[in-house]
N, C-alpha and C. Protein backbone atom coordinates (compact mmCIF):
# COMPACT_ATOMS: atom_id res chain seq x y z
N UNK A 1 -28.45 -31.48 11.89
CA UNK A 1 -28.42 -30.61 10.58
C UNK A 1 -27.01 -30.47 10.23
N UNK A 2 -26.73 -30.50 8.81
CA UNK A 2 -25.38 -30.43 8.31
C UNK A 2 -25.07 -28.92 8.08
N UNK A 3 -23.73 -28.51 8.18
CA UNK A 3 -23.36 -27.30 7.73
C UNK A 3 -23.39 -27.11 6.35
N UNK A 4 -22.99 -25.86 5.86
CA UNK A 4 -22.84 -25.61 4.40
C UNK A 4 -21.63 -26.29 3.92
N UNK A 5 -21.84 -26.67 2.45
CA UNK A 5 -20.61 -27.18 1.96
C UNK A 5 -19.59 -26.16 1.75
N UNK A 6 -18.23 -26.48 1.74
CA UNK A 6 -17.16 -25.49 1.56
C UNK A 6 -17.51 -24.60 0.58
N UNK A 7 -17.66 -24.98 -0.58
CA UNK A 7 -17.98 -24.03 -1.67
C UNK A 7 -19.10 -23.01 -1.47
N UNK A 8 -20.00 -23.30 -0.58
CA UNK A 8 -21.16 -22.29 -0.26
C UNK A 8 -20.45 -21.17 0.72
N UNK A 9 -19.34 -21.38 1.13
CA UNK A 9 -18.74 -20.38 2.07
C UNK A 9 -17.93 -19.36 1.32
N UNK A 10 -17.58 -19.60 0.05
CA UNK A 10 -16.83 -18.75 -0.65
C UNK A 10 -17.57 -17.55 -1.16
N UNK A 11 -16.86 -16.32 -1.44
CA UNK A 11 -17.82 -15.17 -1.85
C UNK A 11 -18.17 -15.47 -3.20
N UNK A 12 -19.43 -15.01 -3.41
CA UNK A 12 -20.09 -15.33 -4.89
C UNK A 12 -19.93 -13.89 -5.62
N UNK A 13 -20.27 -14.01 -6.78
CA UNK A 13 -19.98 -12.76 -7.70
C UNK A 13 -18.70 -12.48 -7.75
N UNK A 14 -18.31 -11.12 -7.76
CA UNK A 14 -17.15 -10.29 -7.65
C UNK A 14 -15.92 -11.32 -7.95
N UNK A 15 -15.72 -11.55 -9.12
CA UNK A 15 -14.57 -12.42 -9.55
C UNK A 15 -13.38 -11.63 -9.77
N UNK A 16 -13.40 -10.42 -8.91
CA UNK A 16 -12.33 -9.48 -9.09
C UNK A 16 -11.14 -10.12 -8.38
N UNK A 17 -11.36 -10.82 -7.19
CA UNK A 17 -10.25 -11.61 -6.34
C UNK A 17 -9.57 -12.45 -7.29
N UNK A 18 -10.32 -13.27 -8.15
CA UNK A 18 -9.60 -14.28 -9.03
C UNK A 18 -8.79 -13.65 -10.12
N UNK A 19 -9.37 -12.46 -10.78
CA UNK A 19 -8.96 -11.65 -11.83
C UNK A 19 -7.60 -10.96 -11.24
N UNK A 20 -7.39 -10.71 -9.85
CA UNK A 20 -6.23 -10.02 -9.42
C UNK A 20 -5.19 -11.21 -8.97
N UNK A 21 -5.59 -12.50 -9.23
CA UNK A 21 -4.81 -13.56 -8.76
C UNK A 21 -4.79 -13.84 -7.20
N UNK A 22 -5.88 -13.57 -6.62
CA UNK A 22 -6.10 -13.74 -5.23
C UNK A 22 -6.80 -14.86 -4.84
N UNK A 23 -7.18 -15.81 -5.80
CA UNK A 23 -8.11 -17.00 -5.27
C UNK A 23 -7.33 -17.79 -4.33
N UNK A 24 -8.14 -18.41 -3.49
CA UNK A 24 -7.42 -19.04 -2.37
C UNK A 24 -6.43 -20.12 -2.79
N UNK A 25 -6.72 -20.91 -3.70
CA UNK A 25 -5.74 -21.92 -4.07
C UNK A 25 -4.45 -21.25 -4.67
N UNK A 26 -4.36 -20.13 -4.99
CA UNK A 26 -3.19 -19.41 -5.68
C UNK A 26 -2.32 -18.76 -4.70
N UNK A 27 -2.90 -18.64 -3.29
CA UNK A 27 -1.98 -17.90 -2.47
C UNK A 27 -1.50 -18.68 -1.24
N UNK A 28 -1.56 -19.96 -1.29
CA UNK A 28 -1.11 -20.81 -0.17
C UNK A 28 0.31 -20.70 -0.17
N UNK A 29 0.94 -21.06 0.93
CA UNK A 29 2.39 -21.18 1.20
C UNK A 29 2.99 -19.85 1.52
N UNK A 30 4.14 -20.09 1.98
CA UNK A 30 5.05 -19.00 2.22
C UNK A 30 5.76 -18.41 1.22
N UNK A 31 6.01 -17.07 1.27
CA UNK A 31 6.92 -16.38 0.25
C UNK A 31 8.37 -16.63 0.58
N UNK A 32 9.15 -17.23 -0.23
CA UNK A 32 10.60 -17.58 0.25
C UNK A 32 11.55 -16.69 -0.68
N UNK A 33 11.10 -15.96 -1.69
CA UNK A 33 11.91 -15.22 -2.54
C UNK A 33 11.77 -13.80 -2.29
N UNK A 34 12.80 -13.06 -2.60
CA UNK A 34 12.83 -11.68 -2.59
C UNK A 34 12.59 -10.90 -3.72
N UNK A 35 12.01 -9.68 -3.75
CA UNK A 35 11.90 -9.01 -5.00
C UNK A 35 13.20 -8.48 -5.51
N UNK A 36 14.05 -8.21 -4.63
CA UNK A 36 15.35 -7.82 -5.28
C UNK A 36 16.22 -8.87 -5.94
N UNK A 37 15.75 -10.05 -5.80
CA UNK A 37 16.35 -11.22 -6.54
C UNK A 37 15.64 -11.43 -7.97
N UNK A 38 14.67 -10.58 -8.19
CA UNK A 38 13.91 -10.46 -9.49
C UNK A 38 12.78 -11.47 -9.40
N UNK A 39 12.50 -12.53 -8.39
CA UNK A 39 11.43 -13.32 -8.37
C UNK A 39 10.18 -12.67 -8.12
N UNK A 40 9.04 -12.89 -8.54
CA UNK A 40 7.71 -12.37 -8.08
C UNK A 40 7.07 -13.41 -7.25
N UNK A 41 6.74 -13.15 -5.99
CA UNK A 41 6.11 -14.01 -5.08
C UNK A 41 4.71 -14.08 -5.43
N UNK A 42 3.92 -15.23 -4.87
CA UNK A 42 2.64 -15.33 -5.24
C UNK A 42 1.83 -14.30 -4.46
N UNK A 43 0.58 -13.91 -5.31
CA UNK A 43 -0.26 -12.88 -4.53
C UNK A 43 -0.71 -13.37 -3.08
N UNK A 44 -0.90 -12.53 -2.27
CA UNK A 44 -1.56 -12.78 -1.03
C UNK A 44 -2.99 -12.30 -0.86
N UNK A 45 -3.79 -13.04 0.10
CA UNK A 45 -5.11 -12.74 0.11
C UNK A 45 -5.31 -11.14 0.75
N UNK A 46 -6.41 -10.50 0.52
CA UNK A 46 -6.70 -9.25 0.97
C UNK A 46 -6.97 -9.40 2.48
N UNK A 47 -7.06 -8.31 3.32
CA UNK A 47 -7.15 -8.40 4.80
C UNK A 47 -8.66 -8.78 5.12
N UNK A 48 -9.41 -8.49 4.21
CA UNK A 48 -11.07 -8.68 4.56
C UNK A 48 -11.48 -9.26 3.27
N UNK A 49 -12.63 -9.83 3.30
CA UNK A 49 -13.13 -10.75 2.07
C UNK A 49 -13.63 -9.89 0.92
N UNK A 50 -14.09 -8.58 1.04
CA UNK A 50 -14.63 -7.89 -0.16
C UNK A 50 -13.38 -7.61 -1.13
N UNK A 51 -13.40 -8.12 -2.36
CA UNK A 51 -12.47 -7.82 -3.34
C UNK A 51 -12.95 -6.53 -4.10
N UNK A 52 -12.12 -5.67 -4.71
CA UNK A 52 -12.50 -4.46 -5.30
C UNK A 52 -13.33 -4.90 -6.55
N UNK A 53 -14.10 -3.97 -7.06
CA UNK A 53 -15.00 -4.25 -8.14
C UNK A 53 -14.21 -4.51 -9.55
N UNK A 54 -13.01 -4.06 -9.58
CA UNK A 54 -12.20 -4.22 -10.82
C UNK A 54 -10.66 -4.85 -10.46
N UNK A 55 -10.10 -5.33 -11.43
CA UNK A 55 -8.59 -5.77 -11.07
C UNK A 55 -7.84 -4.49 -10.69
N UNK A 56 -6.83 -4.78 -9.86
CA UNK A 56 -5.91 -3.52 -9.38
C UNK A 56 -5.50 -2.54 -10.53
N UNK A 57 -5.04 -3.15 -11.55
CA UNK A 57 -4.57 -2.41 -12.78
C UNK A 57 -5.48 -1.30 -13.29
N UNK A 58 -7.06 -1.81 -12.99
CA UNK A 58 -8.01 -1.06 -13.77
C UNK A 58 -8.78 -0.12 -12.97
N UNK A 59 -8.35 -0.11 -11.46
CA UNK A 59 -8.80 0.92 -10.62
C UNK A 59 -8.37 2.27 -10.76
N UNK A 60 -9.16 3.28 -10.71
CA UNK A 60 -8.81 4.77 -10.83
C UNK A 60 -7.59 4.90 -9.70
N UNK A 61 -6.61 5.90 -10.04
CA UNK A 61 -5.66 6.18 -9.07
C UNK A 61 -5.87 6.87 -7.84
N UNK A 62 -7.01 7.64 -7.89
CA UNK A 62 -7.57 8.35 -6.83
C UNK A 62 -8.15 7.08 -5.79
N UNK A 63 -8.95 6.23 -6.43
CA UNK A 63 -9.32 5.11 -5.60
C UNK A 63 -8.31 4.26 -5.00
N UNK A 64 -7.21 4.00 -5.71
CA UNK A 64 -6.06 3.39 -5.24
C UNK A 64 -5.48 4.14 -4.11
N UNK A 65 -5.40 5.53 -4.15
CA UNK A 65 -4.84 6.34 -3.11
C UNK A 65 -5.70 6.29 -2.01
N UNK A 66 -7.25 6.27 -2.10
CA UNK A 66 -7.99 6.13 -1.02
C UNK A 66 -7.55 4.85 -0.04
N UNK A 67 -7.70 3.78 -0.65
CA UNK A 67 -7.21 2.54 -0.01
C UNK A 67 -5.75 2.59 0.55
N UNK A 68 -4.95 2.98 -0.27
CA UNK A 68 -3.35 3.24 0.17
C UNK A 68 -3.30 4.10 1.29
N UNK A 69 -3.97 5.11 1.45
CA UNK A 69 -3.91 5.99 2.53
C UNK A 69 -4.10 5.17 3.92
N UNK A 70 -5.17 4.25 3.82
CA UNK A 70 -5.54 3.54 5.19
C UNK A 70 -4.52 2.56 5.22
N UNK A 71 -3.98 1.89 4.24
CA UNK A 71 -3.17 0.83 4.62
C UNK A 71 -1.68 1.39 4.95
N UNK A 72 -1.38 2.52 4.41
CA UNK A 72 -0.15 3.19 4.95
C UNK A 72 -0.23 3.65 6.30
N UNK A 73 -1.52 4.13 6.76
CA UNK A 73 -1.81 4.66 8.15
C UNK A 73 -1.54 3.44 9.09
N UNK A 74 -2.15 2.27 8.80
CA UNK A 74 -1.82 1.03 9.53
C UNK A 74 -0.37 0.74 9.77
N UNK A 75 0.42 0.79 8.68
CA UNK A 75 1.81 0.55 8.68
C UNK A 75 2.52 1.44 9.56
N UNK A 76 2.07 2.81 9.36
CA UNK A 76 2.77 3.76 10.29
C UNK A 76 2.46 3.54 11.67
N UNK A 77 1.26 3.29 12.15
CA UNK A 77 0.70 3.17 13.42
C UNK A 77 1.50 1.96 14.13
N UNK A 78 1.53 0.77 13.33
CA UNK A 78 2.38 -0.39 13.79
C UNK A 78 3.86 -0.11 13.93
N UNK A 79 4.39 0.76 13.04
CA UNK A 79 5.80 1.14 13.17
C UNK A 79 6.08 2.03 14.42
N UNK A 80 5.24 3.09 14.68
CA UNK A 80 5.39 3.82 15.97
C UNK A 80 5.07 3.01 17.17
N UNK A 81 4.20 2.05 17.20
CA UNK A 81 3.89 1.10 18.37
C UNK A 81 4.93 0.29 18.72
N UNK A 82 5.93 -0.02 17.80
CA UNK A 82 7.03 -0.94 18.08
C UNK A 82 8.13 -0.11 18.98
N UNK A 83 7.91 1.09 19.05
CA UNK A 83 8.76 2.01 19.83
C UNK A 83 8.50 1.91 21.33
N UNK A 84 9.35 2.32 22.18
CA UNK A 84 9.17 2.27 23.62
C UNK A 84 8.12 3.37 24.25
N UNK A 85 7.89 4.41 23.69
CA UNK A 85 7.13 5.33 24.37
C UNK A 85 5.65 5.35 23.75
N UNK A 86 4.74 4.95 24.49
CA UNK A 86 3.38 4.55 24.00
C UNK A 86 2.42 5.50 24.41
N UNK A 87 2.79 6.64 24.89
CA UNK A 87 1.78 7.80 25.24
C UNK A 87 1.11 8.21 23.93
N UNK A 88 -0.12 8.32 24.02
CA UNK A 88 -0.98 8.71 22.87
C UNK A 88 -0.52 10.04 22.11
N UNK A 89 -0.17 11.03 22.79
CA UNK A 89 0.35 12.22 22.25
C UNK A 89 1.53 11.95 21.56
N UNK A 90 2.55 11.24 22.05
CA UNK A 90 3.76 10.90 21.56
C UNK A 90 3.58 9.92 20.10
N UNK A 91 2.85 8.97 20.22
CA UNK A 91 2.35 8.20 18.96
C UNK A 91 1.86 8.96 18.07
N UNK A 92 0.94 9.97 18.31
CA UNK A 92 0.47 10.86 17.14
C UNK A 92 1.59 11.82 16.58
N UNK A 93 2.43 12.28 17.42
CA UNK A 93 3.39 13.15 16.93
C UNK A 93 4.42 12.27 15.97
N UNK A 94 4.72 11.14 16.51
CA UNK A 94 5.63 10.21 15.67
C UNK A 94 4.85 9.90 14.44
N UNK A 95 3.57 9.57 14.35
CA UNK A 95 2.91 9.22 13.07
C UNK A 95 2.93 10.34 12.21
N UNK A 96 2.79 11.72 12.70
CA UNK A 96 2.77 12.58 11.71
C UNK A 96 4.13 12.88 10.92
N UNK A 97 5.25 12.30 11.38
CA UNK A 97 6.44 12.46 10.68
C UNK A 97 6.39 11.64 9.40
N UNK A 98 5.44 10.70 9.32
CA UNK A 98 5.49 9.72 8.16
C UNK A 98 4.14 10.14 7.25
N UNK A 99 2.96 10.56 7.80
CA UNK A 99 1.75 10.53 6.96
C UNK A 99 1.56 11.94 6.53
N UNK A 100 2.42 12.77 6.64
CA UNK A 100 2.23 14.33 6.08
C UNK A 100 2.61 14.06 4.57
N UNK A 101 1.94 15.12 3.95
CA UNK A 101 2.13 14.98 2.31
C UNK A 101 3.59 15.34 1.99
N UNK A 102 4.16 16.09 2.87
CA UNK A 102 5.60 16.30 2.64
C UNK A 102 6.44 15.24 2.81
N UNK A 103 6.12 14.34 3.95
CA UNK A 103 6.92 13.01 4.14
C UNK A 103 6.63 11.95 3.22
N UNK A 104 5.48 11.79 2.83
CA UNK A 104 5.08 10.91 1.57
C UNK A 104 5.74 11.25 0.54
N UNK A 105 5.77 12.45 0.07
CA UNK A 105 6.61 12.85 -1.08
C UNK A 105 7.89 12.57 -0.98
N UNK A 106 8.53 12.72 0.12
CA UNK A 106 9.94 12.46 0.28
C UNK A 106 10.17 10.92 0.41
N UNK A 107 9.30 10.17 0.99
CA UNK A 107 9.27 8.66 0.97
C UNK A 107 9.38 8.29 -0.63
N UNK A 108 8.47 8.74 -1.32
CA UNK A 108 8.26 8.52 -2.64
C UNK A 108 9.81 8.65 -3.46
N UNK A 109 10.25 9.66 -3.31
CA UNK A 109 11.58 10.22 -3.74
C UNK A 109 12.60 9.28 -3.51
N UNK A 110 12.66 8.81 -2.25
CA UNK A 110 13.72 7.84 -1.77
C UNK A 110 13.48 6.53 -2.43
N UNK A 111 12.18 6.13 -2.51
CA UNK A 111 11.83 4.81 -3.17
C UNK A 111 11.98 4.49 -4.54
N UNK A 112 11.81 5.73 -5.08
CA UNK A 112 11.63 5.73 -6.64
C UNK A 112 12.63 4.82 -7.45
N UNK A 113 13.91 4.95 -7.10
CA UNK A 113 14.92 4.23 -7.73
C UNK A 113 14.69 2.58 -7.54
N UNK A 114 13.85 2.19 -6.75
CA UNK A 114 13.87 0.83 -6.49
C UNK A 114 12.46 0.27 -7.09
N UNK A 115 11.75 1.18 -7.65
CA UNK A 115 10.56 0.69 -8.31
C UNK A 115 10.60 0.09 -9.66
N UNK A 116 9.82 -1.02 -9.94
CA UNK A 116 9.62 -1.60 -11.22
C UNK A 116 8.83 -0.48 -12.11
N UNK A 117 9.01 -0.82 -13.49
CA UNK A 117 8.31 -0.17 -14.43
C UNK A 117 6.81 0.07 -14.20
N UNK A 118 6.36 -1.05 -13.81
CA UNK A 118 4.90 -1.26 -13.56
C UNK A 118 4.44 -0.30 -12.29
N UNK A 119 5.37 -0.41 -11.27
CA UNK A 119 5.05 0.58 -10.05
C UNK A 119 5.34 2.10 -10.44
N UNK A 120 6.37 2.27 -11.33
CA UNK A 120 6.47 3.61 -11.80
C UNK A 120 5.28 4.26 -12.62
N UNK A 121 4.62 3.36 -13.38
CA UNK A 121 3.48 3.74 -14.30
C UNK A 121 2.38 4.04 -13.17
N UNK A 122 2.11 3.24 -12.34
CA UNK A 122 1.18 3.63 -11.16
C UNK A 122 1.40 4.93 -10.50
N UNK A 123 2.57 5.23 -10.20
CA UNK A 123 2.97 6.55 -9.68
C UNK A 123 2.91 7.61 -10.60
N UNK A 124 3.15 7.46 -11.77
CA UNK A 124 2.81 8.54 -12.76
C UNK A 124 1.29 8.89 -12.66
N UNK A 125 0.68 7.73 -12.88
CA UNK A 125 -0.88 7.84 -12.87
C UNK A 125 -1.41 8.82 -11.76
N UNK A 126 -0.97 8.36 -10.56
CA UNK A 126 -1.29 8.83 -9.31
C UNK A 126 -0.97 10.16 -9.15
N UNK A 127 0.18 10.70 -9.68
CA UNK A 127 0.66 11.84 -9.55
C UNK A 127 -0.02 12.89 -10.45
N UNK A 128 -0.60 12.34 -11.66
CA UNK A 128 -1.33 13.21 -12.55
C UNK A 128 -2.79 13.33 -12.36
N UNK A 129 -3.18 12.51 -11.51
CA UNK A 129 -4.78 12.42 -11.23
C UNK A 129 -5.13 13.78 -10.68
N UNK A 130 -6.20 14.22 -11.12
CA UNK A 130 -6.84 15.36 -10.40
C UNK A 130 -7.93 15.23 -9.45
N UNK A 131 -7.57 15.46 -8.12
CA UNK A 131 -8.45 15.20 -7.07
C UNK A 131 -9.52 16.28 -6.98
N UNK A 132 -9.43 17.40 -7.56
CA UNK A 132 -10.48 18.35 -7.45
C UNK A 132 -10.43 19.16 -6.22
N UNK A 133 -9.36 18.84 -5.31
CA UNK A 133 -9.31 19.57 -4.00
C UNK A 133 -7.92 20.21 -4.04
N UNK A 134 -7.91 21.45 -3.26
CA UNK A 134 -6.62 21.99 -3.08
C UNK A 134 -5.98 21.87 -1.49
N UNK A 135 -4.91 21.35 -1.19
CA UNK A 135 -4.32 21.11 0.06
C UNK A 135 -4.54 22.24 0.85
N UNK A 136 -4.83 22.18 2.02
CA UNK A 136 -4.83 23.26 2.83
C UNK A 136 -3.29 23.69 3.49
N UNK A 137 -2.85 22.54 4.01
CA UNK A 137 -1.52 22.74 4.68
C UNK A 137 -0.22 21.90 3.90
N UNK A 138 -0.45 21.86 2.73
CA UNK A 138 0.66 21.23 1.90
C UNK A 138 0.99 21.92 0.67
N UNK A 139 2.13 21.82 0.20
CA UNK A 139 2.54 22.28 -1.26
C UNK A 139 1.84 21.49 -2.15
N UNK A 140 1.27 22.00 -3.14
CA UNK A 140 0.63 21.20 -4.35
C UNK A 140 1.51 20.28 -4.73
N UNK A 141 2.68 20.36 -5.13
CA UNK A 141 3.37 19.50 -5.63
C UNK A 141 3.85 18.07 -4.69
N UNK A 142 3.93 18.50 -3.36
CA UNK A 142 3.95 17.64 -2.36
C UNK A 142 2.74 16.80 -2.31
N UNK A 143 1.77 17.31 -2.37
CA UNK A 143 0.32 16.64 -2.33
C UNK A 143 0.20 15.81 -3.43
N UNK A 144 0.60 16.18 -4.76
CA UNK A 144 0.51 15.19 -5.77
C UNK A 144 1.43 14.05 -5.74
N UNK A 145 2.47 14.30 -5.26
CA UNK A 145 3.38 13.16 -4.97
C UNK A 145 3.06 12.43 -3.78
N UNK A 146 2.33 12.82 -2.85
CA UNK A 146 1.95 11.89 -1.68
C UNK A 146 0.65 11.04 -2.29
N UNK A 147 -0.20 11.66 -3.31
CA UNK A 147 -1.26 11.03 -3.88
C UNK A 147 -0.66 9.86 -4.66
N UNK A 148 0.47 9.93 -5.31
CA UNK A 148 1.14 9.05 -6.07
C UNK A 148 1.58 7.93 -5.16
N UNK A 149 2.13 8.36 -4.07
CA UNK A 149 2.69 7.20 -3.12
C UNK A 149 1.54 6.43 -2.54
N UNK A 150 0.36 7.02 -2.34
CA UNK A 150 -0.59 6.33 -1.75
C UNK A 150 -1.38 5.51 -2.79
N UNK A 151 -1.29 5.97 -4.14
CA UNK A 151 -1.79 5.08 -5.05
C UNK A 151 -0.91 3.86 -5.35
N UNK A 152 0.28 4.04 -5.16
CA UNK A 152 1.19 2.86 -5.20
C UNK A 152 0.99 1.84 -4.17
N UNK A 153 0.73 2.38 -2.98
CA UNK A 153 0.50 1.50 -1.72
C UNK A 153 -0.78 0.72 -2.00
N UNK A 154 -1.89 1.42 -2.54
CA UNK A 154 -3.17 0.79 -2.66
C UNK A 154 -3.01 -0.14 -3.80
N UNK A 155 -2.30 0.06 -4.84
CA UNK A 155 -2.16 -0.79 -6.05
C UNK A 155 -1.52 -2.17 -5.49
N UNK A 156 -0.37 -2.13 -4.68
CA UNK A 156 0.38 -3.31 -4.18
C UNK A 156 -0.48 -4.01 -3.39
N UNK A 157 -1.26 -3.17 -2.54
CA UNK A 157 -2.25 -4.24 -1.60
C UNK A 157 -3.41 -4.79 -2.40
N UNK A 158 -3.97 -4.17 -3.34
CA UNK A 158 -5.00 -4.82 -4.15
C UNK A 158 -4.50 -5.79 -5.09
N UNK A 159 -3.28 -5.77 -5.57
CA UNK A 159 -2.56 -6.61 -6.39
C UNK A 159 -2.14 -8.05 -5.69
N UNK A 160 -2.21 -7.78 -4.31
CA UNK A 160 -1.89 -8.94 -3.46
C UNK A 160 -0.38 -9.19 -3.18
N UNK A 161 0.50 -8.23 -3.62
CA UNK A 161 1.75 -8.16 -3.53
C UNK A 161 2.35 -7.68 -2.27
N UNK A 162 1.74 -8.21 -1.12
CA UNK A 162 2.16 -7.67 0.29
C UNK A 162 3.47 -7.78 0.60
N UNK A 163 4.26 -8.73 0.21
CA UNK A 163 5.61 -8.81 0.53
C UNK A 163 6.44 -7.66 -0.06
N UNK A 164 5.97 -7.22 -1.23
CA UNK A 164 6.65 -6.05 -1.85
C UNK A 164 6.22 -4.83 -1.36
N UNK A 165 4.95 -4.65 -0.88
CA UNK A 165 4.51 -3.64 0.00
C UNK A 165 5.09 -3.43 1.28
N UNK A 166 5.41 -4.45 1.99
CA UNK A 166 6.02 -4.30 3.18
C UNK A 166 7.53 -3.93 2.98
N UNK A 167 8.20 -4.64 1.98
CA UNK A 167 9.55 -4.36 1.65
C UNK A 167 9.71 -2.94 1.21
N UNK A 168 8.98 -2.32 0.56
CA UNK A 168 9.04 -0.76 0.27
C UNK A 168 8.72 -0.03 1.39
N UNK A 169 7.88 -0.18 2.22
CA UNK A 169 7.47 0.77 3.29
C UNK A 169 8.56 0.59 4.26
N UNK A 170 9.22 -0.63 4.61
CA UNK A 170 10.20 -0.85 5.68
C UNK A 170 11.39 -0.15 5.25
N UNK A 171 11.68 -0.23 3.76
CA UNK A 171 12.82 0.53 3.22
C UNK A 171 12.63 1.89 3.23
N UNK A 172 11.56 2.35 3.02
CA UNK A 172 11.28 3.89 3.05
C UNK A 172 11.32 4.52 4.52
N UNK A 173 10.84 3.63 5.54
CA UNK A 173 10.97 4.08 6.86
C UNK A 173 12.47 4.10 7.21
N UNK A 174 13.14 3.12 6.95
CA UNK A 174 14.73 3.11 7.26
C UNK A 174 15.49 4.24 6.67
N UNK A 175 15.14 4.54 5.39
CA UNK A 175 15.85 5.61 4.63
C UNK A 175 15.46 7.02 5.11
N UNK A 176 14.14 7.18 5.44
CA UNK A 176 13.58 8.43 6.17
C UNK A 176 14.26 8.59 7.44
N UNK A 177 14.33 7.69 8.21
CA UNK A 177 14.97 7.83 9.52
C UNK A 177 16.53 8.04 9.51
N UNK A 178 17.21 7.44 8.46
CA UNK A 178 18.57 7.62 8.24
C UNK A 178 18.86 9.00 7.80
N UNK A 179 17.98 9.41 6.94
CA UNK A 179 18.01 10.84 6.46
C UNK A 179 18.00 11.92 7.53
N UNK A 180 16.95 11.69 8.49
CA UNK A 180 16.52 12.53 9.49
C UNK A 180 17.68 12.63 10.67
N UNK A 181 18.38 11.50 10.78
CA UNK A 181 19.40 11.44 11.81
C UNK A 181 20.72 12.11 11.32
N UNK A 182 20.82 12.48 10.13
CA UNK A 182 22.17 13.12 9.79
C UNK A 182 22.15 14.59 10.08
């Protein structure tokens, strides 16, 4: 018995991947250029096959923050796992330095001068989004800025600009650590 044709293995419906510029034939090859040089790298595929229901630019800011929270959590966990002390309690303590609303608001403030106009627009929309909840352990302003930061992370992920996403997160970690060591 013959297996399915290669086009039968591709996801059906959900043309959002193509609308986001994430079609397989558009994402092949390594990214050689840097954002700081002004070149825009080719979009990267999502980590899992399900694409969002809409292009990244049309997703609500709170939906972007929802996925951005998860993506940033993975980045933070990978960052603390690169350190020598791998005891669970220590890992958790190190992670909270980055994932709190206050820390994310500070990260956004440090990164804001490096953002493109498009990214600043996403941040503005995320900051102004009304979540309907009041934070228990965070200042409302920090919470709004943290939501804006997570919206940006979600947007960059769904847009497929993973090199830019990694660049901003790495720069943010570096600046935050440099600031805390003073």
